[in-house]
Amino acid sequence: MENKLNIIKENAPVMPEGAEEMEKKENSKYDAMLAQYDTNLNDKDVEAIVARLIDEKVTSNDTLDVKKQLFNCIDLTTLKTTDSEDSVLKFTEKVNEFEDRYPDLKPVAAICVYPCFAQIVSQSLEVEEVGIACVSGGFPSSQTFPEVKMAETALALKDGATEIDIVISVGKFMNGDYEGMCDEIEELKATCGEHHLKVILETGALGNCSNIKKASLLSMYSGADFIKTSTGKMEPAATPEAAYVMCQAIKEYYAKTGRKVGFKPAGGINSVKDAVIYYVGPTPAPPGRIIGSAGPTTSGRMDAYAPAMMKEGLALVVTPLISLMKDQVQNLEARG
């Protein structure tokens, strides 16, 4: 037994001189950033604020015009185990046919698929203003090698994806390894280049509002173009409380840095009425700039939307791209 232990000790990796000190400095960099913000939140206080906002705003926003605008914010998504080239092609054709069937409605913002189907969508999509979103980076768990995450993302972009959705390394975040979590986001953003990177926090796994705010700030600090609530693969998914905290983080981050980041609630939005909760109304974007667009071409759309949780004295432009499932899309089409 002693010999075995000696062998393990002899072959254990030796940390390069100064590496431990460097790691401490990196973590202190993220801790210093977080220290600039109030991340000590009380969940009950957040619940009370959100309940009041919903009571004050949702009824007046439950209009046909708002629902039409929300429809134009949908990421029409198919992320099923049974997806195939044929099913994704048929899925895309429905978007192509939409303009003729419903000329008074703008199309969805994007089609969202697994990376292996990016080429199918890119080759068959005929509606110029609809983006092609791909989940990537070991979605939905983010539990794979960083090299695999980079390669998967690069291949999706090569095959025609115009935006990428990734999930933070929740385990790293919960273990306090902010450097490991943030390094991955930075590397994936570098891979995306000018294409939007949406960073999913998987808020239902984070435990409390304080963690949601910290994860929001760290993701933005690392280069996220959007922060997104959930994968839709676990419960709880999106909640108004999580959205409120994320939007507060976006507003405060903008106030300190001048960089606007988009917001996307996703998962757990099971009806059109649910979607209305996240909406207040259009807010003009700065001249010459469109904030949080779903793809490279956004002319003809409203520049941005402010979710209901932003109404509490927050003036930041954000775009919630509401990920409704197919049956909710059909429901909204029928109302349109």
C-alpha atoms as a PDB file:
ATOM      1  CA  MET A   1       0.000   0.000   0.000  1.00  0.00           C
ATOM      2  CA  GLU A   2       2.830   2.369   0.909  1.00  0.00           C
ATOM      3  CA  ASN A   3       4.554   1.666  -2.413  1.00  0.00           C
ATOM      4  CA  LYS A   4       1.360   2.517  -4.279  1.00  0.00           C
ATOM      5  CA  LEU A   5       1.069   5.807  -2.436  1.00  0.00           C
ATOM      6  CA  ASN A   6       4.677   6.640  -3.239  1.00  0.00           C
ATOM      7  CA  ILE A   7       4.059   5.942  -6.937  1.00  0.00           C
ATOM      8  CA  ILE A   8       1.017   8.242  -6.898  1.00  0.00           C
ATOM      9  CA  LYS A   9       3.003  10.999  -5.200  1.00  0.00           C
ATOM     10  CA  GLU A  10       5.875  10.634  -7.663  1.00  0.00           C
ATOM     11  CA  ASN A  11       3.563  10.891 -10.676  1.00  0.00           C
ATOM     12  CA  ALA A  12       1.309  13.636  -9.336  1.00  0.00           C
ATOM     13  CA  PRO A  13       1.455  16.817 -11.426  1.00  0.00           C
ATOM     14  CA  VAL A  14       3.656  19.488  -9.924  1.00  0.00           C
ATOM     15  CA  MET A  15       2.239  23.014  -9.958  1.00  0.00           C
ATOM     16  CA  PRO A  16       4.700  25.327 -11.707  1.00  0.00           C
ATOM     17  CA  GLU A  17       6.438  27.830  -9.496  1.00  0.00           C
ATOM     18  CA  GLY A  18       4.253  30.870  -8.994  1.00  0.00           C
ATOM     19  CA  ALA A  19       1.143  29.179 -10.462  1.00  0.00           C
ATOM     20  CA  GLU A  20      -0.700  29.072  -7.150  1.00  0.00           C
ATOM     21  CA  GLU A  21      -0.079  32.764  -6.607  1.00  0.00           C
ATOM     22  CA  MET A  22      -1.228  33.531 -10.157  1.00  0.00           C
ATOM     23  CA  GLU A  23      -4.446  31.572  -9.603  1.00  0.00           C
ATOM     24  CA  LYS A  24      -5.140  33.569  -6.448  1.00  0.00           C
ATOM     25  CA  LYS A  25      -4.631  36.815  -8.382  1.00  0.00           C
ATOM     26  CA  GLU A  26      -7.022  35.684 -11.118  1.00  0.00           C
ATOM     27  CA  ASN A  27      -9.728  34.776  -8.617  1.00  0.00           C
ATOM     28  CA  SER A  28      -9.180  38.053  -6.770  1.00  0.00           C
ATOM     29  CA  LYS A  29      -9.771  39.850 -10.096  1.00  0.00           C
ATOM     30  CA  TYR A  30     -13.273  38.393 -10.296  1.00  0.00           C
ATOM     31  CA  ASP A  31     -13.922  38.931  -6.599  1.00  0.00           C
ATOM     32  CA  ALA A  32     -12.864  42.564  -7.008  1.00  0.00           C
ATOM     33  CA  MET A  33     -15.293  42.993  -9.901  1.00  0.00           C
ATOM     34  CA  LEU A  34     -18.153  41.466  -7.907  1.00  0.00           C
ATOM     35  CA  ALA A  35     -17.318  43.683  -4.929  1.00  0.00           C
ATOM     36  CA  GLN A  36     -18.349  46.721  -7.001  1.00  0.00           C
ATOM     37  CA  TYR A  37     -21.972  45.520  -6.946  1.00  0.00           C
ATOM     38  CA  ASP A  38     -24.530  44.617  -4.302  1.00  0.00           C
ATOM     39  CA  THR A  39     -24.819  40.838  -4.641  1.00  0.00           C
ATOM     40  CA  ASN A  40     -26.250  40.205  -1.168  1.00  0.00           C
ATOM     41  CA  LEU A  41     -29.909  39.891  -2.151  1.00  0.00           C
ATOM     42  CA  ASN A  42     -32.897  38.781  -0.110  1.00  0.00           C
ATOM     43  CA  ASP A  43     -35.078  36.346  -2.063  1.00  0.00           C
ATOM     44  CA  LYS A  44     -38.273  37.396  -0.269  1.00  0.00           C
ATOM     45  CA  ASP A  45     -37.659  41.056  -1.108  1.00  0.00           C
ATOM     46  CA  VAL A  46     -37.210  40.168  -4.780  1.00  0.00           C
ATOM     47  CA  GLU A  47     -40.422  38.131  -4.761  1.00  0.00           C
ATOM     48  CA  ALA A  48     -42.353  41.080  -3.327  1.00  0.00           C
ATOM     49  CA  ILE A  49     -41.019  43.527  -5.912  1.00  0.00           C
ATOM     50  CA  VAL A  50     -41.801  41.178  -8.786  1.00  0.00           C
ATOM     51  CA  ALA A  51     -45.317  40.457  -7.511  1.00  0.00           C
ATOM     52  CA  ARG A  52     -46.028  44.182  -7.402  1.00  0.00           C
ATOM     53  CA  LEU A  53     -44.669  44.755 -10.918  1.00  0.00           C
ATOM     54  CA  ILE A  54     -46.749  41.922 -12.330  1.00  0.00           C
ATOM     55  CA  ASP A  55     -49.864  43.262 -10.605  1.00  0.00           C
ATOM     56  CA  GLU A  56     -49.258  46.776 -11.936  1.00  0.00           C
ATOM     57  CA  LYS A  57     -48.175  46.089 -15.510  1.00  0.00           C
ATOM     58  CA  VAL A  58     -49.249  42.781 -16.984  1.00  0.00           C
ATOM     59  CA  THR A  59     -52.958  43.448 -17.547  1.00  0.00           C
ATOM     60  CA  SER A  60     -52.321  46.631 -19.549  1.00  0.00           C
ATOM     61  CA  ASN A  61     -49.769  44.803 -21.700  1.00  0.00           C
ATOM     62  CA  ASP A  62     -52.078  41.928 -22.584  1.00  0.00           C
ATOM     63  CA  THR A  63     -52.891  43.317 -26.038  1.00  0.00           C
ATOM     64  CA  LEU A  64     -52.762  42.001 -29.582  1.00  0.00           C
ATOM     65  CA  ASP A  65     -49.997  44.451 -30.543  1.00  0.00           C
ATOM     66  CA  VAL A  66     -47.785  43.280 -27.692  1.00  0.00           C
ATOM     67  CA  LYS A  67     -48.374  39.646 -28.619  1.00  0.00           C
ATOM     68  CA  LYS A  68     -47.399  40.367 -32.206  1.00  0.00           C
ATOM     69  CA  GLN A  69     -44.211  41.999 -31.000  1.00  0.00           C
ATOM     70  CA  LEU A  70     -43.472  39.044 -28.748  1.00  0.00           C
ATOM     71  CA  PHE A  71     -43.981  36.679 -31.653  1.00  0.00           C
ATOM     72  CA  ASN A  72     -41.185  38.488 -33.482  1.00  0.00           C
ATOM     73  CA  CYS A  73     -38.944  37.789 -30.452  1.00  0.00           C
ATOM     74  CA  ILE A  74     -39.381  34.018 -30.485  1.00  0.00           C
ATOM     75  CA  ASP A  75     -36.480  31.631 -30.960  1.00  0.00           C
ATOM     76  CA  LEU A  76     -38.401  28.822 -32.656  1.00  0.00           C
ATOM     77  CA  THR A  77     -36.673  25.830 -31.112  1.00  0.00           C
ATOM     78  CA  THR A  78     -36.336  22.113 -31.713  1.00  0.00           C
ATOM     79  CA  LEU A  79     -33.909  20.378 -29.364  1.00  0.00           C
ATOM     80  CA  LYS A  80     -35.281  16.850 -29.241  1.00  0.00           C
ATOM     81  CA  THR A  81     -33.505  13.521 -29.091  1.00  0.00           C
ATOM     82  CA  THR A  82     -35.577  12.486 -32.111  1.00  0.00           C
ATOM     83  CA  ASP A  83     -34.520  15.442 -34.304  1.00  0.00           C
ATOM     84  CA  SER A  84     -33.261  14.411 -37.731  1.00  0.00           C
ATOM     85  CA  GLU A  85     -32.225  16.119 -40.952  1.00  0.00           C
ATOM     86  CA  ASP A  86     -35.697  15.479 -42.336  1.00  0.00           C
ATOM     87  CA  SER A  87     -37.566  16.811 -39.281  1.00  0.00           C
ATOM     88  CA  VAL A  88     -35.368  19.927 -39.072  1.00  0.00           C
ATOM     89  CA  LEU A  89     -35.869  20.584 -42.788  1.00  0.00           C
ATOM     90  CA  LYS A  90     -39.654  20.406 -42.347  1.00  0.00           C
ATOM     91  CA  PHE A  91     -39.348  22.643 -39.268  1.00  0.00           C
ATOM     92  CA  THR A  92     -37.471  25.249 -41.319  1.00  0.00           C
ATOM     93  CA  GLU A  93     -39.973  25.068 -44.178  1.00  0.00           C
ATOM     94  CA  LYS A  94     -42.729  26.160 -41.811  1.00  0.00           C
ATOM     95  CA  VAL A  95     -40.798  29.379 -41.180  1.00  0.00           C
ATOM     96  CA  ASN A  96     -40.361  29.839 -44.937  1.00  0.00           C
ATOM     97  CA  GLU A  97     -44.108  29.466 -45.477  1.00  0.00           C
ATOM     98  CA  PHE A  98     -45.063  31.791 -42.642  1.00  0.00           C
ATOM     99  CA  GLU A  99     -44.803  35.089 -44.537  1.00  0.00           C
ATOM    100  CA  ASP A 100     -47.375  34.036 -47.137  1.00  0.00           C
ATOM    101  CA  ARG A 101     -49.731  32.567 -44.561  1.00  0.00           C
ATOM    102  CA  TYR A 102     -49.521  35.461 -42.079  1.00  0.00           C
ATOM    103  CA  PRO A 103     -48.520  38.648 -43.940  1.00  0.00           C
ATOM    104  CA  ASP A 104     -49.531  40.906 -41.024  1.00  0.00           C
ATOM    105  CA  LEU A 105     -47.007  39.307 -38.643  1.00  0.00           C
ATOM    106  CA  LYS A 106     -43.242  39.622 -38.653  1.00  0.00           C
ATOM    107  CA  PRO A 107     -41.407  36.295 -38.560  1.00  0.00           C
ATOM    108  CA  VAL A 108     -39.776  34.697 -35.559  1.00  0.00           C
ATOM    109  CA  ALA A 109     -36.367  36.045 -34.550  1.00  0.00           C
ATOM    110  CA  ALA A 110     -34.431  32.819 -35.045  1.00  0.00           C
ATOM    111  CA  ILE A 111     -34.553  29.075 -35.508  1.00  0.00           C
ATOM    112  CA  CYS A 112     -32.674  27.259 -32.735  1.00  0.00           C
ATOM    113  CA  VAL A 113     -31.235  23.776 -33.319  1.00  0.00           C
ATOM    114  CA  TYR A 114     -28.388  21.500 -32.317  1.00  0.00           C
ATOM    115  CA  PRO A 115     -25.040  22.342 -34.028  1.00  0.00           C
ATOM    116  CA  CYS A 116     -25.167  19.338 -36.342  1.00  0.00           C
ATOM    117  CA  PHE A 117     -28.259  20.806 -38.013  1.00  0.00           C
ATOM    118  CA  ALA A 118     -26.887  24.309 -38.661  1.00  0.00           C
ATOM    119  CA  GLN A 119     -26.045  23.472 -42.259  1.00  0.00           C
ATOM    120  CA  ILE A 120     -29.522  22.086 -42.974  1.00  0.00           C
ATOM    121  CA  VAL A 121     -31.162  25.262 -41.677  1.00  0.00           C
ATOM    122  CA  SER A 122     -28.631  27.527 -43.405  1.00  0.00           C
ATOM    123  CA  GLN A 123     -29.176  25.863 -46.778  1.00  0.00           C
ATOM    124  CA  SER A 124     -32.984  25.765 -46.562  1.00  0.00           C
ATOM    125  CA  LEU A 125     -33.936  28.960 -44.687  1.00  0.00           C
ATOM    126  CA  GLU A 126     -35.294  31.569 -47.118  1.00  0.00           C
ATOM    127  CA  VAL A 127     -36.315  34.353 -44.708  1.00  0.00           C
ATOM    128  CA  GLU A 128     -33.347  36.727 -44.548  1.00  0.00           C
ATOM    129  CA  GLU A 129     -34.153  38.378 -41.216  1.00  0.00           C
ATOM    130  CA  VAL A 130     -34.482  35.090 -39.296  1.00  0.00           C
ATOM    131  CA  GLY A 131     -31.300  34.125 -37.469  1.00  0.00           C
ATOM    132  CA  ILE A 132     -29.835  30.647 -36.995  1.00  0.00           C
ATOM    133  CA  ALA A 133     -29.128  29.913 -33.335  1.00  0.00           C
ATOM    134  CA  CYS A 134     -27.233  26.826 -32.217  1.00  0.00           C
ATOM    135  CA  VAL A 135     -26.825  25.489 -28.719  1.00  0.00           C
ATOM    136  CA  SER A 136     -23.207  24.529 -28.168  1.00  0.00           C
ATOM    137  CA  GLY A 137     -20.478  23.911 -25.617  1.00  0.00           C
ATOM    138  CA  GLY A 138     -21.792  20.596 -24.333  1.00  0.00           C
ATOM    139  CA  PHE A 139     -25.393  21.795 -24.044  1.00  0.00           C
ATOM    140  CA  PRO A 140     -27.325  21.414 -21.773  1.00  0.00           C
ATOM    141  CA  SER A 141     -24.938  20.336 -18.982  1.00  0.00           C
ATOM    142  CA  SER A 142     -21.731  22.056 -20.174  1.00  0.00           C
ATOM    143  CA  GLN A 143     -19.917  18.981 -18.878  1.00  0.00           C
ATOM    144  CA  THR A 144     -17.289  18.311 -21.518  1.00  0.00           C
ATOM    145  CA  PHE A 145     -13.738  19.292 -22.418  1.00  0.00           C
ATOM    146  CA  PRO A 146     -13.124  22.985 -23.220  1.00  0.00           C
ATOM    147  CA  GLU A 147     -11.513  21.899 -26.505  1.00  0.00           C
ATOM    148  CA  VAL A 148     -14.730  20.100 -27.463  1.00  0.00           C
ATOM    149  CA  LYS A 149     -16.744  23.224 -26.650  1.00  0.00           C
ATOM    150  CA  MET A 150     -14.556  25.374 -28.889  1.00  0.00           C
ATOM    151  CA  ALA A 151     -14.600  22.871 -31.744  1.00  0.00           C
ATOM    152  CA  GLU A 152     -18.369  22.383 -31.585  1.00  0.00           C
ATOM    153  CA  THR A 153     -18.922  26.142 -31.627  1.00  0.00           C
ATOM    154  CA  ALA A 154     -16.507  26.721 -34.515  1.00  0.00           C
ATOM    155  CA  LEU A 155     -18.150  23.969 -36.570  1.00  0.00           C
ATOM    156  CA  ALA A 156     -21.634  25.380 -35.941  1.00  0.00           C
ATOM    157  CA  LEU A 157     -20.525  28.824 -37.118  1.00  0.00           C
ATOM    158  CA  LYS A 158     -18.793  27.313 -40.150  1.00  0.00           C
ATOM    159  CA  ASP A 159     -22.044  25.572 -41.076  1.00  0.00           C
ATOM    160  CA  GLY A 160     -24.069  28.778 -40.930  1.00  0.00           C
ATOM    161  CA  ALA A 161     -25.010  29.540 -37.323  1.00  0.00           C
ATOM    162  CA  THR A 162     -25.397  33.274 -36.711  1.00  0.00           C
ATOM    163  CA  GLU A 163     -25.548  33.073 -32.921  1.00  0.00           C
ATOM    164  CA  ILE A 164     -24.468  30.602 -30.249  1.00  0.00           C
ATOM    165  CA  ASP A 165     -26.098  29.590 -26.958  1.00  0.00           C
ATOM    166  CA  ILE A 166     -23.884  28.079 -24.257  1.00  0.00           C
ATOM    167  CA  VAL A 167     -24.358  27.130 -20.609  1.00  0.00           C
ATOM    168  CA  ILE A 168     -22.021  28.313 -17.875  1.00  0.00           C
ATOM    169  CA  SER A 169     -20.047  25.650 -16.047  1.00  0.00           C
ATOM    170  CA  VAL A 170     -22.438  25.615 -13.108  1.00  0.00           C
ATOM    171  CA  GLY A 171     -20.260  23.256 -11.097  1.00  0.00           C
ATOM    172  CA  LYS A 172     -17.254  25.561 -11.402  1.00  0.00           C
ATOM    173  CA  PHE A 173     -19.360  28.568 -10.412  1.00  0.00           C
ATOM    174  CA  MET A 174     -20.898  26.870  -7.378  1.00  0.00           C
ATOM    175  CA  ASN A 175     -17.432  25.710  -6.291  1.00  0.00           C
ATOM    176  CA  GLY A 176     -16.098  29.267  -6.456  1.00  0.00           C
ATOM    177  CA  ASP A 177     -13.924  28.594  -9.507  1.00  0.00           C
ATOM    178  CA  TYR A 178     -14.822  31.868 -11.202  1.00  0.00           C
ATOM    179  CA  GLU A 179     -11.646  31.831 -13.253  1.00  0.00           C
ATOM    180  CA  GLY A 180     -12.440  28.441 -14.788  1.00  0.00           C
ATOM    181  CA  MET A 181     -16.004  29.463 -15.589  1.00  0.00           C
ATOM    182  CA  CYS A 182     -15.044  32.837 -17.039  1.00  0.00           C
ATOM    183  CA  ASP A 183     -12.097  31.545 -19.064  1.00  0.00           C
ATOM    184  CA  GLU A 184     -14.451  29.255 -20.964  1.00  0.00           C
ATOM    185  CA  ILE A 185     -16.861  32.089 -21.753  1.00  0.00           C
ATOM    186  CA  GLU A 186     -14.012  34.319 -22.937  1.00  0.00           C
ATOM    187  CA  GLU A 187     -12.631  31.601 -25.193  1.00  0.00           C
ATOM    188  CA  LEU A 188     -16.042  30.822 -26.657  1.00  0.00           C
ATOM    189  CA  LYS A 189     -16.708  34.511 -27.291  1.00  0.00           C
ATOM    190  CA  ALA A 190     -13.365  34.720 -29.081  1.00  0.00           C
ATOM    191  CA  THR A 191     -14.475  31.779 -31.211  1.00  0.00           C
ATOM    192  CA  CYS A 192     -17.777  33.532 -31.998  1.00  0.00           C
ATOM    193  CA  GLY A 193     -16.127  36.792 -33.017  1.00  0.00           C
ATOM    194  CA  GLU A 194     -18.819  39.190 -34.276  1.00  0.00           C
ATOM    195  CA  HIS A 195     -21.564  36.602 -33.805  1.00  0.00           C
ATOM    196  CA  HIS A 196     -23.670  36.921 -30.680  1.00  0.00           C
ATOM    197  CA  LEU A 197     -22.903  34.662 -27.735  1.00  0.00           C
ATOM    198  CA  LYS A 198     -25.856  33.985 -25.419  1.00  0.00           C
ATOM    199  CA  VAL A 199     -24.763  32.663 -22.030  1.00  0.00           C
ATOM    200  CA  ILE A 200     -27.281  30.510 -20.161  1.00  0.00           C
ATOM    201  CA  LEU A 201     -27.046  30.704 -16.372  1.00  0.00           C
ATOM    202  CA  GLU A 202     -29.373  27.764 -15.620  1.00  0.00           C
ATOM    203  CA  THR A 203     -30.851  29.873 -12.844  1.00  0.00           C
ATOM    204  CA  GLY A 204     -32.848  26.984 -11.375  1.00  0.00           C
ATOM    205  CA  ALA A 205     -29.578  25.318 -10.369  1.00  0.00           C
ATOM    206  CA  LEU A 206     -28.048  28.400  -8.733  1.00  0.00           C
ATOM    207  CA  GLY A 207     -30.061  28.256  -5.535  1.00  0.00           C
ATOM    208  CA  ASN A 208     -30.754  31.909  -4.748  1.00  0.00           C
ATOM    209  CA  CYS A 209     -30.952  35.439  -6.125  1.00  0.00           C
ATOM    210  CA  SER A 210     -27.475  36.361  -4.915  1.00  0.00           C
ATOM    211  CA  ASN A 211     -25.920  33.590  -7.007  1.00  0.00           C
ATOM    212  CA  ILE A 212     -28.028  34.580 -10.029  1.00  0.00           C
ATOM    213  CA  LYS A 213     -26.692  38.127  -9.810  1.00  0.00           C
ATOM    214  CA  LYS A 214     -23.085  36.974  -9.413  1.00  0.00           C
ATOM    215  CA  ALA A 215     -23.375  34.603 -12.382  1.00  0.00           C
ATOM    216  CA  SER A 216     -24.945  37.391 -14.460  1.00  0.00           C
ATOM    217  CA  LEU A 217     -22.124  39.819 -13.686  1.00  0.00           C
ATOM    218  CA  LEU A 218     -19.377  37.252 -14.273  1.00  0.00           C
ATOM    219  CA  SER A 219     -20.898  36.248 -17.625  1.00  0.00           C
ATOM    220  CA  MET A 220     -21.127  39.849 -18.810  1.00  0.00           C
ATOM    221  CA  TYR A 221     -17.615  40.566 -17.561  1.00  0.00           C
ATOM    222  CA  SER A 222     -16.403  37.616 -19.647  1.00  0.00           C
ATOM    223  CA  GLY A 223     -17.970  38.881 -22.874  1.00  0.00           C
ATOM    224  CA  ALA A 224     -21.549  37.586 -23.051  1.00  0.00           C
ATOM    225  CA  ASP A 225     -23.692  39.459 -25.594  1.00  0.00           C
ATOM    226  CA  PHE A 226     -26.840  38.113 -23.921  1.00  0.00           C
ATOM    227  CA  ILE A 227     -27.504  36.477 -20.601  1.00  0.00           C
ATOM    228  CA  LYS A 228     -30.231  33.861 -20.632  1.00  0.00           C
ATOM    229  CA  THR A 229     -32.143  32.216 -17.809  1.00  0.00           C
ATOM    230  CA  SER A 230     -32.364  28.540 -18.607  1.00  0.00           C
ATOM    231  CA  THR A 231     -31.899  25.591 -20.945  1.00  0.00           C
ATOM    232  CA  GLY A 232     -35.486  24.441 -20.508  1.00  0.00           C
ATOM    233  CA  LYS A 233     -34.089  21.026 -19.649  1.00  0.00           C
ATOM    234  CA  MET A 234     -34.510  21.319 -15.864  1.00  0.00           C
ATOM    235  CA  GLU A 235     -36.919  22.787 -13.323  1.00  0.00           C
ATOM    236  CA  PRO A 236     -37.296  25.462 -12.229  1.00  0.00           C
ATOM    237  CA  ALA A 237     -36.534  27.180 -15.515  1.00  0.00           C
ATOM    238  CA  ALA A 238     -37.210  30.877 -16.211  1.00  0.00           C
ATOM    239  CA  THR A 239     -38.940  32.762 -13.409  1.00  0.00           C
ATOM    240  CA  PRO A 240     -39.892  36.432 -13.182  1.00  0.00           C
ATOM    241  CA  GLU A 241     -37.721  36.682 -10.065  1.00  0.00           C
ATOM    242  CA  ALA A 242     -34.634  35.402 -11.901  1.00  0.00           C
ATOM    243  CA  ALA A 243     -35.395  37.769 -14.775  1.00  0.00           C
ATOM    244  CA  TYR A 244     -35.680  40.733 -12.420  1.00  0.00           C
ATOM    245  CA  VAL A 245     -32.317  39.993 -10.821  1.00  0.00           C
ATOM    246  CA  MET A 246     -30.631  39.491 -14.193  1.00  0.00           C
ATOM    247  CA  CYS A 247     -32.050  42.746 -15.535  1.00  0.00           C
ATOM    248  CA  GLN A 248     -30.904  44.602 -12.428  1.00  0.00           C
ATOM    249  CA  ALA A 249     -27.428  43.176 -13.024  1.00  0.00           C
ATOM    250  CA  ILE A 250     -27.544  44.268 -16.670  1.00  0.00           C
ATOM    251  CA  LYS A 251     -28.574  47.798 -15.686  1.00  0.00           C
ATOM    252  CA  GLU A 252     -25.868  48.122 -13.044  1.00  0.00           C
ATOM    253  CA  TYR A 253     -23.202  46.643 -15.312  1.00  0.00           C
ATOM    254  CA  TYR A 254     -24.126  49.122 -18.034  1.00  0.00           C
ATOM    255  CA  ALA A 255     -23.956  52.012 -15.570  1.00  0.00           C
ATOM    256  CA  LYS A 256     -20.364  51.087 -14.673  1.00  0.00           C
ATOM    257  CA  THR A 257     -19.039  49.957 -18.072  1.00  0.00           C
ATOM    258  CA  GLY A 258     -21.203  51.548 -20.756  1.00  0.00           C
ATOM    259  CA  ARG A 259     -21.720  48.126 -22.391  1.00  0.00           C
ATOM    260  CA  LYS A 260     -25.290  47.017 -23.061  1.00  0.00           C
ATOM    261  CA  VAL A 261     -26.021  43.305 -22.811  1.00  0.00           C
ATOM    262  CA  GLY A 262     -29.176  41.568 -23.996  1.00  0.00           C
ATOM    263  CA  PHE A 263     -31.520  39.484 -21.852  1.00  0.00           C
ATOM    264  CA  LYS A 264     -33.397  36.337 -22.809  1.00  0.00           C
ATOM    265  CA  PRO A 265     -35.881  34.453 -20.653  1.00  0.00           C
ATOM    266  CA  ALA A 266     -36.261  30.844 -21.784  1.00  0.00           C
ATOM    267  CA  GLY A 267     -37.705  27.641 -20.416  1.00  0.00           C
ATOM    268  CA  GLY A 268     -40.871  27.454 -18.345  1.00  0.00           C
ATOM    269  CA  ILE A 269     -42.665  30.022 -20.526  1.00  0.00           C
ATOM    270  CA  ASN A 270     -45.602  27.801 -21.362  1.00  0.00           C
ATOM    271  CA  SER A 271     -48.209  30.234 -22.637  1.00  0.00           C
ATOM    272  CA  VAL A 272     -48.576  33.569 -24.350  1.00  0.00           C
ATOM    273  CA  LYS A 273     -49.732  35.012 -21.017  1.00  0.00           C
ATOM    274  CA  ASP A 274     -46.448  33.877 -19.453  1.00  0.00           C
ATOM    275  CA  ALA A 275     -44.552  35.735 -22.173  1.00  0.00           C
ATOM    276  CA  VAL A 276     -46.465  38.953 -21.533  1.00  0.00           C
ATOM    277  CA  ILE A 277     -45.132  38.981 -17.955  1.00  0.00           C
ATOM    278  CA  TYR A 278     -41.640  39.643 -19.318  1.00  0.00           C
ATOM    279  CA  TYR A 279     -42.722  42.579 -21.471  1.00  0.00           C
ATOM    280  CA  VAL A 280     -43.203  46.287 -20.821  1.00  0.00           C
ATOM    281  CA  GLY A 281     -42.776  47.933 -24.201  1.00  0.00           C
ATOM    282  CA  PRO A 282     -40.363  49.240 -26.802  1.00  0.00           C
ATOM    283  CA  THR A 283     -37.469  51.426 -25.729  1.00  0.00           C
ATOM    284  CA  PRO A 284     -35.550  53.338 -28.410  1.00  0.00           C
ATOM    285  CA  ALA A 285     -32.008  52.134 -29.007  1.00  0.00           C
ATOM    286  CA  PRO A 286     -29.150  54.616 -29.299  1.00  0.00           C
ATOM    287  CA  PRO A 287     -28.710  56.051 -32.825  1.00  0.00           C
ATOM    288  CA  GLY A 288     -27.111  53.593 -35.214  1.00  0.00           C
ATOM    289  CA  ARG A 289     -27.116  50.737 -32.762  1.00  0.00           C
ATOM    290  CA  ILE A 290     -29.485  47.848 -32.291  1.00  0.00           C
ATOM    291  CA  ILE A 291     -29.244  46.171 -28.908  1.00  0.00           C
ATOM    292  CA  GLY A 292     -29.714  42.457 -28.471  1.00  0.00           C
ATOM    293  CA  SER A 293     -30.780  41.637 -32.013  1.00  0.00           C
ATOM    294  CA  ALA A 294     -31.371  37.993 -32.870  1.00  0.00           C
ATOM    295  CA  GLY A 295     -29.178  38.042 -35.936  1.00  0.00           C
ATOM    296  CA  PRO A 296     -27.100  40.188 -38.248  1.00  0.00           C
ATOM    297  CA  THR A 297     -30.085  41.671 -40.080  1.00  0.00           C
ATOM    298  CA  THR A 298     -32.702  43.368 -37.934  1.00  0.00           C
ATOM    299  CA  SER A 299     -33.998  46.184 -40.117  1.00  0.00           C
ATOM    300  CA  GLY A 300     -37.763  46.479 -39.936  1.00  0.00           C
ATOM    301  CA  ARG A 301     -37.915  45.206 -36.365  1.00  0.00           C
ATOM    302  CA  MET A 302     -38.369  47.286 -33.278  1.00  0.00           C
ATOM    303  CA  ASP A 303     -34.930  47.992 -31.881  1.00  0.00           C
ATOM    304  CA  ALA A 304     -35.409  46.550 -28.428  1.00  0.00           C
ATOM    305  CA  TYR A 305     -37.810  45.545 -25.702  1.00  0.00           C
ATOM    306  CA  ALA A 306     -37.752  46.157 -21.980  1.00  0.00           C
ATOM    307  CA  PRO A 307     -39.037  43.239 -19.887  1.00  0.00           C
ATOM    308  CA  ALA A 308     -41.537  43.954 -17.136  1.00  0.00           C
ATOM    309  CA  MET A 309     -38.895  43.495 -14.454  1.00  0.00           C
ATOM    310  CA  MET A 310     -36.970  46.435 -15.950  1.00  0.00           C
ATOM    311  CA  LYS A 311     -39.745  48.924 -15.213  1.00  0.00           C
ATOM    312  CA  GLU A 312     -38.552  49.578 -11.662  1.00  0.00           C
ATOM    313  CA  GLY A 313     -36.690  52.757 -12.583  1.00  0.00           C
ATOM    314  CA  LEU A 314     -34.405  50.965 -15.057  1.00  0.00           C
ATOM    315  CA  ALA A 315     -33.719  52.646 -18.386  1.00  0.00           C
ATOM    316  CA  LEU A 316     -31.546  50.001 -20.053  1.00  0.00           C
ATOM    317  CA  VAL A 317     -32.411  48.657 -23.474  1.00  0.00           C
ATOM    318  CA  VAL A 318     -32.584  44.868 -23.562  1.00  0.00           C
ATOM    319  CA  THR A 319     -34.224  42.272 -25.788  1.00  0.00           C
ATOM    320  CA  PRO A 320     -35.992  39.287 -24.297  1.00  0.00           C
ATOM    321  CA  LEU A 321     -36.205  36.695 -27.072  1.00  0.00           C
ATOM    322  CA  ILE A 322     -39.061  34.620 -25.752  1.00  0.00           C
ATOM    323  CA  SER A 323     -38.472  30.905 -26.414  1.00  0.00           C
ATOM    324  CA  LEU A 324     -41.976  29.492 -26.714  1.00  0.00           C
ATOM    325  CA  MET A 325     -42.571  25.906 -27.759  1.00  0.00           C
ATOM    326  CA  LYS A 326     -44.251  25.029 -31.034  1.00  0.00           C
ATOM    327  CA  ASP A 327     -47.763  24.739 -29.610  1.00  0.00           C
ATOM    328  CA  GLN A 328     -47.535  28.228 -28.114  1.00  0.00           C
ATOM    329  CA  VAL A 329     -46.316  29.574 -31.469  1.00  0.00           C
ATOM    330  CA  GLN A 330     -49.352  28.075 -33.196  1.00  0.00           C
ATOM    331  CA  ASN A 331     -51.596  29.523 -30.500  1.00  0.00           C
ATOM    332  CA  LEU A 332     -50.192  33.002 -31.086  1.00  0.00           C
ATOM    333  CA  GLU A 333     -50.462  32.619 -34.875  1.00  0.00           C
ATOM    334  CA  ALA A 334     -54.147  31.809 -34.492  1.00  0.00           C
ATOM    335  CA  ARG A 335     -54.678  34.940 -32.407  1.00  0.00           C
ATOM    336  CA  GLY A 336     -52.798  37.027 -34.980  1.00  0.00           C
END
